[in-house]
C-alpha atoms as a PDB file:
ATOM      1  CA  MET A   1     -17.038  12.310   1.463  1.00  0.00           C
ATOM      2  CA  THR A   2     -14.242  10.455  -0.345  1.00  0.00           C
ATOM      3  CA  THR A   3     -14.289   6.722  -1.068  1.00  0.00           C
ATOM      4  CA  ILE A   4     -11.405   4.342  -1.715  1.00  0.00           C
ATOM      5  CA  ILE A   5     -12.290   1.593  -4.182  1.00  0.00           C
ATOM      6  CA  VAL A   6     -10.070  -1.337  -5.188  1.00  0.00           C
ATOM      7  CA  ASP A   7     -11.177  -2.349  -8.682  1.00  0.00           C
ATOM      8  CA  LYS A   8     -10.225  -6.040  -8.352  1.00  0.00           C
ATOM      9  CA  GLU A   9      -9.707  -7.930  -5.118  1.00  0.00           C
ATOM     10  CA  CYS A  10      -6.852 -10.365  -5.620  1.00  0.00           C
ATOM     11  CA  LYS A  11      -6.218 -13.252  -3.237  1.00  0.00           C
ATOM     12  CA  CYS A  12      -3.636 -11.273  -1.239  1.00  0.00           C
ATOM     13  CA  PHE A  13      -6.096  -8.400  -0.808  1.00  0.00           C
ATOM     14  CA  LYS A  14      -8.857 -10.734   0.347  1.00  0.00           C
ATOM     15  CA  GLU A  15      -6.512 -12.314   2.897  1.00  0.00           C
ATOM     16  CA  SER A  16      -5.299  -8.941   4.198  1.00  0.00           C
ATOM     17  CA  ASP A  17      -6.888  -6.667   6.796  1.00  0.00           C
ATOM     18  CA  PHE A  18      -7.693  -4.062   4.118  1.00  0.00           C
ATOM     19  CA  GLU A  19     -11.300  -3.235   3.275  1.00  0.00           C
ATOM     20  CA  ASN A  20     -12.734  -2.242  -0.074  1.00  0.00           C
ATOM     21  CA  ASN A  21     -15.136   0.699  -0.509  1.00  0.00           C
ATOM     22  CA  GLN A  22     -13.898   2.657   2.505  1.00  0.00           C
ATOM     23  CA  SER A  23     -15.412   6.120   2.953  1.00  0.00           C
ATOM     24  CA  PHE A  24     -13.781   9.064   4.713  1.00  0.00           C
ATOM     25  CA  GLN A  25     -15.140  12.484   5.675  1.00  0.00           C
ATOM     26  CA  SER A  26     -11.770  14.086   4.886  1.00  0.00           C
ATOM     27  CA  LYS A  27     -10.233  13.807   1.420  1.00  0.00           C
ATOM     28  CA  ASP A  28      -6.775  14.217   2.966  1.00  0.00           C
ATOM     29  CA  GLU A  29      -7.370  11.283   5.311  1.00  0.00           C
ATOM     30  CA  ALA A  30      -8.612   9.130   2.419  1.00  0.00           C
ATOM     31  CA  LEU A  31      -5.618  10.066   0.286  1.00  0.00           C
ATOM     32  CA  LEU A  32      -3.166   9.183   3.057  1.00  0.00           C
ATOM     33  CA  ARG A  33      -4.876   5.819   3.564  1.00  0.00           C
ATOM     34  CA  ALA A  34      -5.017   5.039  -0.170  1.00  0.00           C
ATOM     35  CA  LYS A  35      -1.324   5.887  -0.654  1.00  0.00           C
ATOM     36  CA  TYR A  36      -0.431   3.680   2.305  1.00  0.00           C
ATOM     37  CA  MET A  37      -2.495   0.816   0.869  1.00  0.00           C
ATOM     38  CA  VAL A  38      -0.886   1.061  -2.583  1.00  0.00           C
ATOM     39  CA  ASP A  39       2.611   1.213  -1.124  1.00  0.00           C
ATOM     40  CA  TYR A  40       1.954  -1.725   1.201  1.00  0.00           C
ATOM     41  CA  MET A  41       0.317  -3.874  -1.487  1.00  0.00           C
ATOM     42  CA  ASN A  42       3.133  -3.223  -4.000  1.00  0.00           C
ATOM     43  CA  ASN A  43       5.828  -4.063  -1.445  1.00  0.00           C
ATOM     44  CA  GLU A  44       4.288  -6.765   0.752  1.00  0.00           C
ATOM     45  CA  PHE A  45       1.869  -8.744  -1.421  1.00  0.00           C
ATOM     46  CA  CYS A  46       3.035 -11.622  -3.664  1.00  0.00           C
ATOM     47  CA  HIS A  47       4.228  -9.352  -6.528  1.00  0.00           C
ATOM     48  CA  LYS A  48       2.011 -10.984  -9.149  1.00  0.00           C
ATOM     49  CA  HIS A  49       0.158  -7.670  -9.406  1.00  0.00           C
ATOM     50  CA  ASN A  50       0.947  -3.991  -9.547  1.00  0.00           C
ATOM     51  CA  PHE A  51      -1.291  -1.505  -7.743  1.00  0.00           C
ATOM     52  CA  ALA A  52      -1.758   2.111  -8.845  1.00  0.00           C
ATOM     53  CA  LEU A  53      -3.787   5.013  -7.472  1.00  0.00           C
ATOM     54  CA  SER A  54      -5.902   7.438  -9.480  1.00  0.00           C
ATOM     55  CA  GLU A  55      -8.497  10.031  -8.540  1.00  0.00           C
ATOM     56  CA  VAL A  56     -11.921  10.459 -10.126  1.00  0.00           C
ATOM     57  CA  ASP A  57     -14.092  13.141  -8.504  1.00  0.00           C
ATOM     58  CA  ASP A  58     -14.618  11.998  -4.892  1.00  0.00           C
ATOM     59  CA  THR A  59     -13.295   8.497  -5.527  1.00  0.00           C
ATOM     60  CA  LEU A  60      -9.757   7.234  -5.057  1.00  0.00           C
ATOM     61  CA  LEU A  61      -9.440   4.221  -7.344  1.00  0.00           C
ATOM     62  CA  ILE A  62      -6.788   1.585  -6.762  1.00  0.00           C
ATOM     63  CA  THR A  63      -6.319  -0.352  -9.986  1.00  0.00           C
ATOM     64  CA  VAL A  64      -4.790  -3.802 -10.185  1.00  0.00           C
ATOM     65  CA  SER A  65      -2.739  -5.028 -13.135  1.00  0.00           C
ATOM     66  CA  MET A  66      -0.586  -8.075 -13.758  1.00  0.00           C
ATOM     67  CA  ASN A  67       3.154  -7.616 -13.356  1.00  0.00           C
ATOM     68  CA  GLU A  68       5.169  -8.530 -16.412  1.00  0.00           C
ATOM     69  CA  VAL A  69       6.902 -11.872 -16.037  1.00  0.00           C
ATOM     70  CA  LYS A  70      10.557 -11.636 -16.958  1.00  0.00           C
ATOM     71  CA  PRO A  71      11.639 -14.491 -19.212  1.00  0.00           C
ATOM     72  CA  LYS A  72      14.240 -16.845 -17.825  1.00  0.00           C
ATOM     73  CA  SER A  73      17.677 -16.696 -19.416  1.00  0.00           C
ATOM     74  CA  GLY A  74      17.625 -20.412 -20.125  1.00  0.00           C
ATOM     75  CA  CYS A  75      20.489 -21.045 -17.731  1.00  0.00           C
ATOM     76  CA  CYS A  76      19.850 -23.610 -15.020  1.00  0.00           C
ATOM     77  CA  GLY A  77      22.624 -22.191 -12.821  1.00  0.00           C
ATOM     78  CA  GLY A  78      24.768 -25.318 -13.041  1.00  0.00           C
ATOM     79  CA  GLY A  79      27.824 -23.365 -14.226  1.00  0.00           C
ATOM     80  CA  HIS A  80      28.138 -25.032 -17.644  1.00  0.00           C
ATOM     81  CA  CYS A  81      26.330 -22.335 -19.693  1.00  0.00           C
ATOM     82  CA  SER A  82      29.199 -19.848 -19.845  1.00  0.00           C
END
């Protein structure tokens, strides 16, 4: 049996239809589901976090980290900075 665990449940995850600690009889089925989840969360959630997948024994771990915030250029976009 293979289990998918999300290490931290952010607000977007809690509001989604995804479930934490899902178990699957087939490792292939679990891997397909975990890859789908990571791809969906990275592309459809609010982009404050980055999601990555790793494998430890019979556990597929989805880790959550903060995305780096890019500093603003200082330009307000009014056209007078150039």
